[in-house]
Structure formats: C-alpha cells, structure tokens
C-alpha cells in the first residue's frame, strides 16, 4: 500500500537485485539508460572550397543527449585542419617616435608579407592599423604645437598625435597595402607604455570596418617596443569611465580614446576569444617578458622577438602562425547545471585528460585528431 499514512510498506525505486527479491519481474523493471542521437554530422572537408561558405573541420556538428544522473556517457569529436584555410591578418603598428626605423622597413615589407601568407593559403587578406596613446596629459604633451607635431623639431615627416587609427580594411591587393602604409608617418607621446590594448580592442570589436571574414583564421599582429597601459591607468588623466568593449571608430579614428579608460586584459581576452581572433605580439627584446606574461592571460596568443629594425617580422609571423595553427583545442561554453565534461585527446601530441579542454599539439594539415 503506497498511499497509507505513515511509513510505506514498499518502495518503487531500488536496485535491480532488491526489486527482484521482492517479487518484481525483470522485464517489468524500468531502468532508464543514456541516449545519444547524432543530429548533424557532415563529413570533414579535405581542402578549402570558395564555393562553400564554411568548410567542415569538426564533426559531429550537433548531438542530442538524454542523461541519467550519475551515469556517464562517452562520445567522439573529430577535427581536421583544412588545406588552404583563409587567413585574415591585421597588422597593428606602434607609431610612437621610437619605432621610426621600423616603419621605414615595414613600408617595404608588403611584398614579403603577402608572399609568406600565400605560401600558407591562396586566400589571404591583410589590413593595417596604427596606434600611439591617448592625447591627454600625462600620456601626451598637450601643448598645441606638440599635439600637431609631437616628434623632434628636426623631423619633417611627423603626423599629429592620435590614439588609434584604422588605416586599411582587409584587402588581397598587395599594391593597396603598400600605398596605404607608405602614406603613414611616425608620431609621438610622452610616457613609455602605449595604448596597445585600446587599439586591439577596437580591432576586435569593429569587425565590419576591419573586414574580418566569417570563414578565416583571424590574426592581429601587434608590433611595438614598449609596454602597454591597462584599465585603471586612465585615472592618471581623469578618465574614469570604464571601457565599454564597443566599436567607436569614426572617420577611421577611435573617437572615445580620451573619454574611456583602457580595457583590462580580461576584457580584451574575452573579446578576442568571442571574435575568434588570435594575437601575435611581435615585440623587441626589452619587453619580451612583459608580453610573455600577457600571453598567459590571453588564450591562443603567441609572442616573438622583433629585431630592432623589424626586418625579421615576416619570419616571426610565419613561425607564430605555425605554432598557433598546429595546436588544436576542444573546449565548451556554459554547461547545464550538474553536468561536467572530461576530455581525453587521442593524437600524437596529446595533452592530459581534463575537464576544461582537450589539447592536441603539432597537428599537421590534413591529419584527423579526436577527443572523447
């Protein structure tokens, strides 16, 4: 009697053995099992096809799970790097006065840069942006003459002080890149740290203006010889409004440079990951350690040492791209409550099993790797 007051005479739920001992027939015992249905599993693409909007690099794309609490289930996810996957590279350059020699060399690098990318893919685009720092004290000399010409008096080719300028949207035309970069001149500021994070934030969130494609490996190459300002530094200039992580580019300039604080490293990391952008920090030896620490806080980022005149930047980019693209990470977002995931990578360069991600390193193009 399951309805009488007080203690019940029997229970419906128990182990199979005890239920059968009390007279339940085996075939009448209900014991739910996990069910897994593969909803969508398109075949992995071999190479990039321009006619396809999105090559298939991960399968299955969608599964449906019904899970019994406490009962684990296993499924396999496979990934294969596509041959010739498109690359969008945004070259973000520090134009403070100490980078004068570097700018002269970058103006001649267009041909080599395109050649390097074409050795990776037939579908490459390059954009260009420049930054210095907020044009307020104590970051920049606000004397009217110095704002217009912040360089040394003897330097004739000097542009007015600015925070961040978007110079060229993504293009596959080598000559257009060369022309736009040639038009750029050095500028200047007062303190050593630069507005790098301001520039990177705008490059990440202003997707339409930059020209990022939906199906591409997105890279920001930041070249600098100095450290960076971050959230809180704006207070030195009386700038208290936090960075809102939104696009504020008008007439190619970042219009909120002197109104909003610098973004925090955390804010920048979130937006880079959200927009699937991988940064490569090409920096001089004196700030290498600073940016190595930064890469620990920004997923999928690399740092390389720039020669004093930036002549090695093309080789640096190729090596950093190779490291980034050969590392495959499978992870997840926003799990339902009481659900956990454990990854067990199955590949040559497999990382340890873990609950946050599955990693395979040194994965060549065309090799299929899997995680369970």
Protein backbone atom coordinates (compact mmCIF):
# COMPACT_ATOMS: atom_id res chain seq x y z
CA UNK A 1 0.00 0.00 0.00
CA UNK A 2 1.78 3.11 -1.28
CA UNK A 3 -0.88 5.56 -0.08
CA UNK A 4 -1.47 4.69 3.58
CA UNK A 5 -0.40 7.19 6.23
CA UNK A 6 2.92 6.76 7.96
CA UNK A 7 5.74 4.60 6.70
CA UNK A 8 5.25 2.96 3.31
CA UNK A 9 5.16 -0.81 3.09
CA UNK A 10 7.21 -0.81 -0.11
CA UNK A 11 9.25 1.44 -2.37
CA UNK A 12 9.19 1.68 -6.12
CA UNK A 13 12.86 2.66 -6.50
CA UNK A 14 15.69 0.32 -5.53
CA UNK A 15 18.48 -1.74 -7.01
CA UNK A 16 17.51 -4.41 -9.54
CA UNK A 17 18.57 -7.19 -7.18
CA UNK A 18 16.39 -5.98 -4.30
CA UNK A 19 13.39 -5.29 -6.55
CA UNK A 20 13.57 -8.83 -7.96
CA UNK A 21 13.98 -10.23 -4.43
CA UNK A 22 10.70 -8.55 -3.53
CA UNK A 23 8.96 -10.22 -6.47
CA UNK A 24 9.32 -7.75 -9.35
CA UNK A 25 9.72 -9.37 -12.76
CA UNK A 26 12.96 -8.46 -14.54
CA UNK A 27 11.13 -7.37 -17.71
CA UNK A 28 8.89 -5.03 -15.72
CA UNK A 29 11.73 -3.16 -14.02
CA UNK A 30 12.21 0.27 -15.58
CA UNK A 31 15.84 1.41 -15.56
CA UNK A 32 16.45 4.45 -17.85
CA UNK A 33 19.69 4.48 -19.85
CA UNK A 34 21.53 7.37 -21.50
CA UNK A 35 20.57 8.07 -25.10
CA UNK A 36 22.76 9.81 -27.68
CA UNK A 37 21.44 10.90 -31.06
CA UNK A 38 23.75 12.41 -33.69
CA UNK A 39 21.62 15.18 -35.20
CA UNK A 40 24.16 16.52 -37.71
CA UNK A 41 27.48 15.02 -38.79
CA UNK A 42 28.71 16.40 -42.12
CA UNK A 43 31.91 14.85 -43.44
CA UNK A 44 35.19 16.62 -42.75
CA UNK A 45 36.46 18.80 -45.59
CA UNK A 46 39.80 17.97 -47.21
CA UNK A 47 40.61 21.43 -48.55
CA UNK A 48 39.07 24.89 -48.60
CA UNK A 49 36.50 25.46 -51.34
CA UNK A 50 35.50 29.08 -52.01
CA UNK A 51 32.07 27.90 -53.14
CA UNK A 52 31.41 26.53 -49.66
CA UNK A 53 30.56 29.20 -47.10
CA UNK A 54 32.08 27.23 -44.24
CA UNK A 55 34.41 24.22 -44.59
CA UNK A 56 33.73 21.37 -42.19
CA UNK A 57 36.63 20.95 -39.74
CA UNK A 58 34.72 19.47 -36.78
CA UNK A 59 32.31 16.55 -36.68
CA UNK A 60 29.69 15.85 -35.45
CA UNK A 61 28.28 19.38 -35.52
CA UNK A 62 25.21 18.65 -33.37
CA UNK A 63 24.20 15.87 -30.98
CA UNK A 64 21.25 15.34 -28.64
CA UNK A 65 21.82 13.75 -25.21
CA UNK A 66 19.39 12.46 -22.60
CA UNK A 67 21.39 11.65 -19.49
CA UNK A 68 20.54 9.74 -16.34
CA UNK A 69 22.02 11.43 -13.24
CA UNK A 70 25.20 9.69 -12.13
CA UNK A 71 25.53 7.63 -15.33
CA UNK A 72 28.35 8.85 -17.64
CA UNK A 73 28.32 8.60 -21.43
CA UNK A 74 31.10 8.82 -23.99
CA UNK A 75 31.09 10.33 -27.48
CA UNK A 76 33.78 11.19 -30.00
CA UNK A 77 34.52 14.55 -31.64
CA UNK A 78 36.91 14.66 -34.62
CA UNK A 79 38.80 17.61 -36.07
CA UNK A 80 40.88 18.03 -39.23
CA UNK A 81 42.79 21.13 -40.33
CA UNK A 82 41.69 22.13 -43.82
CA UNK A 83 44.32 22.65 -46.52
CA UNK A 84 44.44 26.30 -47.65
CA UNK A 85 42.10 27.70 -44.99
CA UNK A 86 41.78 31.51 -45.48
CA UNK A 87 43.86 33.87 -43.36
CA UNK A 88 42.98 37.46 -42.37
CA UNK A 89 45.94 39.33 -40.89
CA UNK A 90 45.58 42.76 -39.30
CA UNK A 91 48.96 44.48 -38.88
CA UNK A 92 48.71 46.79 -35.88
CA UNK A 93 51.76 49.02 -35.54
CA UNK A 94 53.09 51.25 -32.79
CA UNK A 95 53.88 54.61 -34.44
CA UNK A 96 55.49 56.25 -31.42
CA UNK A 97 58.76 58.00 -32.25
CA UNK A 98 60.99 55.13 -31.11
CA UNK A 99 59.54 52.99 -33.94
CA UNK A 100 60.79 55.35 -36.68
CA UNK A 101 63.29 52.89 -38.20
CA UNK A 102 60.75 50.06 -38.00
CA UNK A 103 58.14 51.99 -40.00
CA UNK A 104 60.63 52.61 -42.80
CA UNK A 105 61.20 48.85 -43.10
CA UNK A 106 57.52 47.91 -42.80
CA UNK A 107 56.82 50.13 -45.83
CA UNK A 108 58.98 47.73 -47.84
CA UNK A 109 57.60 44.52 -46.33
CA UNK A 110 54.30 44.31 -48.21
CA UNK A 111 55.60 42.00 -50.94
CA UNK A 112 57.30 39.63 -48.48
CA UNK A 113 54.27 39.61 -46.18
CA UNK A 114 51.88 38.64 -48.97
CA UNK A 115 54.33 36.03 -50.27
CA UNK A 116 54.56 34.48 -46.80
CA UNK A 117 50.77 34.26 -46.47
CA UNK A 118 50.37 32.86 -49.99
CA UNK A 119 52.73 30.04 -49.03
CA UNK A 120 50.12 29.13 -46.39
CA UNK A 121 46.88 29.75 -48.31
CA UNK A 122 45.57 31.01 -51.65
CA UNK A 123 43.02 33.14 -49.82
CA UNK A 124 44.88 35.73 -47.74
CA UNK A 125 43.94 39.27 -46.78
CA UNK A 126 45.89 41.95 -44.91
CA UNK A 127 44.70 45.08 -43.10
CA UNK A 128 46.65 47.82 -41.34
CA UNK A 129 46.13 49.95 -38.25
CA UNK A 130 48.32 52.25 -36.17
CA UNK A 131 48.33 53.44 -32.58
CA UNK A 132 50.23 55.67 -30.16
CA UNK A 133 48.36 56.69 -26.99
CA UNK A 134 45.62 58.88 -25.54
CA UNK A 135 46.22 62.53 -26.47
CA UNK A 136 45.93 63.91 -22.94
CA UNK A 137 48.40 64.51 -20.13
CA UNK A 138 50.34 62.68 -18.75
CA UNK A 139 50.41 60.38 -21.79
CA UNK A 140 50.92 63.04 -24.48
CA UNK A 141 52.21 66.61 -24.47
CA UNK A 142 49.05 68.73 -24.87
CA UNK A 143 50.84 71.88 -25.98
CA UNK A 144 49.02 72.86 -29.19
CA UNK A 145 52.17 72.79 -31.28
CA UNK A 146 53.26 69.46 -29.79
CA UNK A 147 49.86 67.87 -30.47
CA UNK A 148 50.24 68.79 -34.14
CA UNK A 149 53.89 67.74 -34.28
CA UNK A 150 54.91 65.54 -31.32
CA UNK A 151 58.25 64.46 -32.87
CA UNK A 152 61.64 66.16 -32.72
CA UNK A 153 61.81 69.60 -34.33
CA UNK A 154 64.27 68.36 -36.97
CA UNK A 155 61.89 65.62 -38.12
CA UNK A 156 59.81 66.97 -41.00
CA UNK A 157 57.67 63.87 -41.59
CA UNK A 158 55.61 63.66 -38.41
CA UNK A 159 51.86 63.27 -38.00
CA UNK A 160 49.69 64.74 -35.27
CA UNK A 161 49.24 62.82 -32.03
CA UNK A 162 46.46 60.20 -32.05
CA UNK A 163 45.22 57.19 -30.09
CA UNK A 164 44.28 54.55 -32.68
CA UNK A 165 43.70 54.89 -36.41
CA UNK A 166 42.26 52.22 -38.72
CA UNK A 167 44.25 52.74 -41.91
CA UNK A 168 43.32 49.91 -44.28
CA UNK A 169 40.50 47.35 -44.24
CA UNK A 170 41.26 43.77 -45.23
CA UNK A 171 42.49 43.53 -48.81
CA UNK A 172 44.14 40.94 -51.04
CA UNK A 173 45.73 43.68 -53.15
CA UNK A 174 49.43 43.98 -52.40
CA UNK A 175 49.75 47.41 -54.03
CA UNK A 176 46.91 48.89 -51.99
CA UNK A 177 48.60 47.75 -48.78
CA UNK A 178 51.94 49.24 -49.85
CA UNK A 179 50.34 52.57 -50.85
CA UNK A 180 48.46 52.99 -47.57
CA UNK A 181 51.42 52.08 -45.38
CA UNK A 182 53.69 54.43 -47.36
CA UNK A 183 51.33 57.31 -46.52
CA UNK A 184 51.88 56.77 -42.79
CA UNK A 185 54.40 58.76 -40.75
CA UNK A 186 55.70 58.49 -37.23
CA UNK A 187 54.07 60.33 -34.32
CA UNK A 188 54.91 60.58 -30.62
CA UNK A 189 53.87 60.68 -26.97
CA UNK A 190 55.41 61.25 -23.53
CA UNK A 191 55.45 58.07 -21.44
CA UNK A 192 56.82 54.67 -22.37
CA UNK A 193 53.71 52.42 -22.20
CA UNK A 194 51.46 52.74 -25.25
CA UNK A 195 47.73 52.46 -25.97
CA UNK A 196 48.11 48.95 -27.41
CA UNK A 197 45.06 47.49 -25.64
CA UNK A 198 42.82 50.36 -26.83
CA UNK A 199 43.84 49.59 -30.42
CA UNK A 200 43.44 45.82 -30.08
CA UNK A 201 40.00 46.18 -28.52
CA UNK A 202 38.75 48.32 -31.42
CA UNK A 203 40.30 45.97 -33.99
CA UNK A 204 38.49 43.06 -32.30
CA UNK A 205 35.01 44.59 -31.92
CA UNK A 206 34.84 46.66 -35.14
CA UNK A 207 34.52 43.60 -37.37
CA UNK A 208 32.69 45.22 -40.28
CA UNK A 209 35.15 48.12 -40.52
CA UNK A 210 38.20 45.88 -40.28
CA UNK A 211 36.72 43.45 -42.80
CA UNK A 212 37.13 40.15 -40.94
CA UNK A 213 35.64 37.26 -42.94
CA UNK A 214 33.38 34.68 -41.31
CA UNK A 215 35.42 31.71 -42.51
CA UNK A 216 39.06 32.56 -41.87
CA UNK A 217 41.90 32.33 -39.38
CA UNK A 218 41.93 35.81 -37.84
CA UNK A 219 45.28 37.20 -36.72
CA UNK A 220 46.26 40.51 -35.14
CA UNK A 221 50.00 41.15 -35.37
CA UNK A 222 50.94 43.82 -32.83
CA UNK A 223 54.41 45.32 -33.28
CA UNK A 224 55.84 47.52 -30.53
CA UNK A 225 58.95 48.25 -28.48
CA UNK A 226 57.10 49.31 -25.33
CA UNK A 227 54.74 48.00 -22.67
CA UNK A 228 51.02 48.81 -22.53
CA UNK A 229 48.56 50.81 -20.48
CA UNK A 230 45.61 48.92 -18.99
CA UNK A 231 42.38 49.53 -17.06
CA UNK A 232 42.95 52.00 -14.22
CA UNK A 233 45.74 53.94 -15.94
CA UNK A 234 43.15 56.32 -17.39
CA UNK A 235 42.63 57.74 -13.89
CA UNK A 236 46.02 59.46 -14.26
CA UNK A 237 44.33 61.68 -16.84
CA UNK A 238 41.00 61.93 -15.00
CA UNK A 239 39.37 59.37 -17.31
CA UNK A 240 37.04 57.37 -15.06
CA UNK A 241 34.54 55.81 -17.48
CA UNK A 242 35.29 52.07 -17.90
CA UNK A 243 35.88 50.69 -21.37
CA UNK A 244 32.54 49.51 -22.80
CA UNK A 245 34.04 46.97 -25.26
CA UNK A 246 32.11 48.53 -28.18
CA UNK A 247 33.16 49.91 -31.56
CA UNK A 248 33.82 53.65 -31.65
CA UNK A 249 35.54 54.29 -34.98
CA UNK A 250 34.51 57.34 -36.98
CA UNK A 251 36.46 58.62 -39.97
CA UNK A 252 38.99 55.90 -39.21
CA UNK A 253 39.78 57.26 -35.71
CA UNK A 254 38.92 55.85 -32.27
CA UNK A 255 36.67 58.64 -31.02
CA UNK A 256 36.43 57.60 -27.35
CA UNK A 257 40.18 57.47 -26.77
CA UNK A 258 40.17 60.44 -24.37
CA UNK A 259 36.77 59.63 -22.82
CA UNK A 260 37.07 55.95 -21.88
CA UNK A 261 39.67 54.12 -19.83
CA UNK A 262 41.90 51.47 -21.36
CA UNK A 263 40.38 47.97 -21.39
CA UNK A 264 41.52 45.43 -18.84
CA UNK A 265 43.44 42.37 -20.01
CA UNK A 266 40.40 40.29 -19.09
CA UNK A 267 38.06 42.41 -21.21
CA UNK A 268 40.39 42.16 -24.18
CA UNK A 269 40.82 38.40 -23.77
CA UNK A 270 37.04 37.92 -23.76
CA UNK A 271 36.53 39.94 -26.94
CA UNK A 272 39.41 38.28 -28.78
CA UNK A 273 38.01 34.85 -27.92
CA UNK A 274 34.44 35.91 -28.72
CA UNK A 275 35.50 37.15 -32.16
CA UNK A 276 37.86 34.21 -32.73
CA UNK A 277 40.97 36.38 -33.10
CA UNK A 278 44.47 35.15 -32.31
CA UNK A 279 47.06 37.81 -31.43
CA UNK A 280 50.74 37.61 -32.30
CA UNK A 281 52.89 40.01 -30.26
CA UNK A 282 55.98 40.95 -32.28
CA UNK A 283 57.96 42.88 -29.69
CA UNK A 284 61.54 43.95 -29.05
CA UNK A 285 63.73 42.07 -26.58
CA UNK A 286 63.38 44.68 -23.82
CA UNK A 287 59.63 43.97 -23.40
CA UNK A 288 59.59 40.26 -24.30
CA UNK A 289 58.96 39.15 -20.70
CA UNK A 290 56.04 41.60 -20.34
CA UNK A 291 54.25 40.15 -23.35
CA UNK A 292 55.08 36.56 -22.40
CA UNK A 293 53.16 37.19 -19.19
CA UNK A 294 50.33 38.68 -21.25
CA UNK A 295 50.09 35.57 -23.44
CA UNK A 296 49.42 33.52 -20.30
CA UNK A 297 46.22 35.55 -19.81
CA UNK A 298 45.09 35.64 -23.44
CA UNK A 299 44.22 32.22 -24.95
CA UNK A 300 45.58 31.32 -28.39
CA UNK A 301 48.26 34.03 -28.41
CA UNK A 302 51.96 33.98 -29.29
CA UNK A 303 54.94 36.26 -28.72
CA UNK A 304 58.07 36.65 -30.84
CA UNK A 305 61.17 38.83 -30.52
CA UNK A 306 61.36 41.59 -33.10
CA UNK A 307 64.74 42.78 -34.32
CA UNK A 308 65.50 46.42 -33.56
CA UNK A 309 64.51 47.44 -37.12
CA UNK A 310 61.61 44.94 -37.61
CA UNK A 311 63.31 43.25 -40.58
CA UNK A 312 62.56 39.77 -39.20
CA UNK A 313 58.82 40.36 -38.74
CA UNK A 314 57.74 38.21 -41.71
CA UNK A 315 59.66 35.16 -40.46
CA UNK A 316 58.36 35.84 -36.95
CA UNK A 317 54.76 35.86 -38.21
CA UNK A 318 55.24 32.60 -40.15
CA UNK A 319 56.68 30.82 -37.11
CA UNK A 320 53.99 32.15 -34.76
CA UNK A 321 51.22 31.19 -37.21
CA UNK A 322 52.64 27.67 -37.47
CA UNK A 323 52.61 27.29 -33.68
CA UNK A 324 49.07 28.66 -33.38
CA UNK A 325 47.54 26.69 -36.25
CA UNK A 326 49.12 23.36 -35.29
CA UNK A 327 47.62 23.46 -31.81
CA UNK A 328 44.04 22.12 -31.65
CA UNK A 329 41.98 22.85 -28.55
CA UNK A 330 38.50 21.41 -27.98
CA UNK A 331 36.53 23.18 -25.27
CA UNK A 332 32.98 24.18 -24.31
CA UNK A 333 30.80 27.05 -23.07
CA UNK A 334 28.03 27.27 -20.50
CA UNK A 335 27.35 23.70 -19.40
CA UNK A 336 23.94 22.91 -17.89
CA UNK A 337 23.85 22.67 -14.11
CA UNK A 338 25.18 19.38 -12.65
CA UNK A 339 26.79 18.40 -15.98
CA UNK A 340 30.57 18.03 -16.33
CA UNK A 341 32.73 17.15 -19.34
CA UNK A 342 36.07 15.32 -19.35
CA UNK A 343 38.25 15.43 -22.49
CA UNK A 344 40.60 12.59 -23.45
CA UNK A 345 42.61 13.68 -26.53
CA UNK A 346 43.58 10.96 -29.00
CA UNK A 347 46.54 12.20 -31.06
CA UNK A 348 50.36 12.18 -31.21
CA UNK A 349 50.84 15.41 -29.27
CA UNK A 350 48.01 14.77 -26.84
CA UNK A 351 47.73 16.81 -23.68
CA UNK A 352 46.47 15.33 -20.40
CA UNK A 353 42.81 14.46 -19.89
CA UNK A 354 40.96 17.31 -18.24
CA UNK A 355 37.60 18.91 -17.55
CA UNK A 356 38.23 22.29 -19.21
CA UNK A 357 39.70 21.35 -22.61
CA UNK A 358 41.32 18.71 -24.78
CA UNK A 359 44.58 19.70 -26.49
CA UNK A 360 46.49 18.20 -29.42
CA UNK A 361 49.79 19.88 -30.33
CA UNK A 362 51.89 19.82 -33.52
CA UNK A 363 48.94 18.71 -35.66
CA UNK A 364 49.83 18.79 -39.39
CA UNK A 365 47.39 19.88 -42.09
CA UNK A 366 45.10 17.03 -43.15
CA UNK A 367 45.62 14.87 -40.04
CA UNK A 368 42.45 13.92 -38.19
CA UNK A 369 42.53 14.13 -34.41
CA UNK A 370 39.82 13.23 -31.94
CA UNK A 371 38.75 13.82 -28.37
CA UNK A 372 36.44 11.66 -26.24
